[in-house]
Amino acid sequence: MKVLPIKSEETYPWILKKHYSKRLPSISYAFGLYDESELVGIVTYGIPASNNLCEGICGKEYKEFVIELNRLCLLNNKPN
């Protein structure tokens, strides 16, 4: 398996159809998990909705650098 950067748009079907929230978050970075050439998972990172949270984590000076993991979705999420 390998992890590669992907376009945000490539995550939309995963998020809207497979993820329990069925909502698109703010996506700054997106990565796909590939098994051979098949996309079997996605993860996205973005800016948190709360500015207070960002400031609380890193202070005013660095709050614009805060990102969070906002979606993680696998094709087959069953234990082996």
C-alpha atoms as a PDB file:
ATOM      1  CA  MET A   1       0.000   0.000   0.000  1.00  0.00           C
ATOM      2  CA  LYS A   2       1.059   3.590  -0.524  1.00  0.00           C
ATOM      3  CA  VAL A   3      -0.172   7.042   0.427  1.00  0.00           C
ATOM      4  CA  LEU A   4      -0.172   9.777  -2.221  1.00  0.00           C
ATOM      5  CA  PRO A   5      -1.453  13.358  -2.368  1.00  0.00           C
ATOM      6  CA  ILE A   6      -4.743  13.679  -4.249  1.00  0.00           C
ATOM      7  CA  LYS A   7      -6.993  16.546  -5.309  1.00  0.00           C
ATOM      8  CA  SER A   8      -9.668  17.575  -2.822  1.00  0.00           C
ATOM      9  CA  GLU A   9     -12.345  16.817  -5.409  1.00  0.00           C
ATOM     10  CA  GLU A  10     -11.293  13.158  -5.450  1.00  0.00           C
ATOM     11  CA  THR A  11     -12.387  12.843  -1.808  1.00  0.00           C
ATOM     12  CA  TYR A  12     -15.926  14.168  -2.348  1.00  0.00           C
ATOM     13  CA  PRO A  13     -17.565  10.829  -3.327  1.00  0.00           C
ATOM     14  CA  TRP A  14     -15.886   9.154  -0.352  1.00  0.00           C
ATOM     15  CA  ILE A  15     -17.002  11.810   2.095  1.00  0.00           C
ATOM     16  CA  LEU A  16     -20.531  12.217   0.736  1.00  0.00           C
ATOM     17  CA  LYS A  17     -21.288   8.504   0.263  1.00  0.00           C
ATOM     18  CA  LYS A  18     -19.096   6.576   2.697  1.00  0.00           C
ATOM     19  CA  HIS A  19     -18.289   8.853   5.640  1.00  0.00           C
ATOM     20  CA  TYR A  20     -20.925   8.950   8.395  1.00  0.00           C
ATOM     21  CA  SER A  21     -21.093  12.796   8.414  1.00  0.00           C
ATOM     22  CA  LYS A  22     -22.116  13.107   4.735  1.00  0.00           C
ATOM     23  CA  ARG A  23     -20.732  16.691   4.821  1.00  0.00           C
ATOM     24  CA  LEU A  24     -17.734  18.250   3.097  1.00  0.00           C
ATOM     25  CA  PRO A  25     -15.281  19.910   5.476  1.00  0.00           C
ATOM     26  CA  SER A  26     -12.783  22.641   4.712  1.00  0.00           C
ATOM     27  CA  ILE A  27     -10.024  20.701   2.907  1.00  0.00           C
ATOM     28  CA  SER A  28      -6.494  22.070   2.729  1.00  0.00           C
ATOM     29  CA  TYR A  29      -4.681  18.777   2.117  1.00  0.00           C
ATOM     30  CA  ALA A  30      -5.938  15.416   0.877  1.00  0.00           C
ATOM     31  CA  PHE A  31      -4.238  12.046   0.614  1.00  0.00           C
ATOM     32  CA  GLY A  32      -5.303   8.732  -0.867  1.00  0.00           C
ATOM     33  CA  LEU A  33      -4.420   5.247   0.331  1.00  0.00           C
ATOM     34  CA  TYR A  34      -3.765   2.972  -2.642  1.00  0.00           C
ATOM     35  CA  ASP A  35      -3.638  -0.814  -2.832  1.00  0.00           C
ATOM     36  CA  GLU A  36      -1.848  -1.276  -6.146  1.00  0.00           C
ATOM     37  CA  SER A  37      -3.793   1.208  -8.315  1.00  0.00           C
ATOM     38  CA  GLU A  38      -7.070   1.020  -6.358  1.00  0.00           C
ATOM     39  CA  LEU A  39      -7.994   3.911  -4.072  1.00  0.00           C
ATOM     40  CA  VAL A  40      -8.972   2.206  -0.787  1.00  0.00           C
ATOM     41  CA  GLY A  41      -9.021   5.146   1.611  1.00  0.00           C
ATOM     42  CA  ILE A  42      -8.798   8.902   2.011  1.00  0.00           C
ATOM     43  CA  VAL A  43      -7.730  11.330   4.684  1.00  0.00           C
ATOM     44  CA  THR A  44      -8.220  15.102   4.662  1.00  0.00           C
ATOM     45  CA  TYR A  45      -6.818  17.929   6.741  1.00  0.00           C
ATOM     46  CA  GLY A  46      -8.132  21.455   7.005  1.00  0.00           C
ATOM     47  CA  ILE A  47      -8.499  24.602   9.051  1.00  0.00           C
ATOM     48  CA  PRO A  48     -10.592  24.110  12.211  1.00  0.00           C
ATOM     49  CA  ALA A  49     -13.934  25.912  12.296  1.00  0.00           C
ATOM     50  CA  SER A  50     -13.055  27.651  15.568  1.00  0.00           C
ATOM     51  CA  ASN A  51     -10.551  30.519  15.526  1.00  0.00           C
ATOM     52  CA  ASN A  52     -10.522  30.369  19.325  1.00  0.00           C
ATOM     53  CA  LEU A  53      -9.369  26.762  19.141  1.00  0.00           C
ATOM     54  CA  CYS A  54      -6.505  27.663  16.806  1.00  0.00           C
ATOM     55  CA  GLU A  55      -5.404  30.494  19.045  1.00  0.00           C
ATOM     56  CA  GLY A  56      -5.724  28.339  22.153  1.00  0.00           C
ATOM     57  CA  ILE A  57      -3.497  25.649  20.670  1.00  0.00           C
ATOM     58  CA  CYS A  58      -0.695  27.815  19.284  1.00  0.00           C
ATOM     59  CA  GLY A  59      -1.333  31.404  20.364  1.00  0.00           C
ATOM     60  CA  LYS A  60      -2.106  34.439  18.199  1.00  0.00           C
ATOM     61  CA  GLU A  61       1.292  34.393  16.516  1.00  0.00           C
ATOM     62  CA  TYR A  62       0.899  30.896  15.023  1.00  0.00           C
ATOM     63  CA  LYS A  63      -2.873  30.330  14.875  1.00  0.00           C
ATOM     64  CA  GLU A  64      -2.935  30.476  11.053  1.00  0.00           C
ATOM     65  CA  PHE A  65      -0.716  27.369  10.936  1.00  0.00           C
ATOM     66  CA  VAL A  66      -3.145  25.080  12.789  1.00  0.00           C
ATOM     67  CA  ILE A  67      -4.764  22.294  10.760  1.00  0.00           C
ATOM     68  CA  GLU A  68      -6.783  19.300  11.866  1.00  0.00           C
ATOM     69  CA  LEU A  69      -7.527  15.858  10.535  1.00  0.00           C
ATOM     70  CA  ASN A  70     -11.158  16.349   9.520  1.00  0.00           C
ATOM     71  CA  ARG A  71     -12.042  13.187   7.561  1.00  0.00           C
ATOM     72  CA  LEU A  72     -10.706   9.636   7.457  1.00  0.00           C
ATOM     73  CA  CYS A  73     -12.538   7.037   5.441  1.00  0.00           C
ATOM     74  CA  LEU A  74     -11.605   3.515   4.335  1.00  0.00           C
ATOM     75  CA  LEU A  75     -13.242   1.346   1.705  1.00  0.00           C
ATOM     76  CA  ASN A  76     -13.199  -1.673   4.002  1.00  0.00           C
ATOM     77  CA  ASN A  77     -13.085  -0.765   7.671  1.00  0.00           C
ATOM     78  CA  LYS A  78     -13.427  -4.285   9.044  1.00  0.00           C
ATOM     79  CA  PRO A  79     -10.932  -5.844  11.454  1.00  0.00           C
ATOM     80  CA  ASN A  80      -8.867  -8.742  10.067  1.00  0.00           C
END
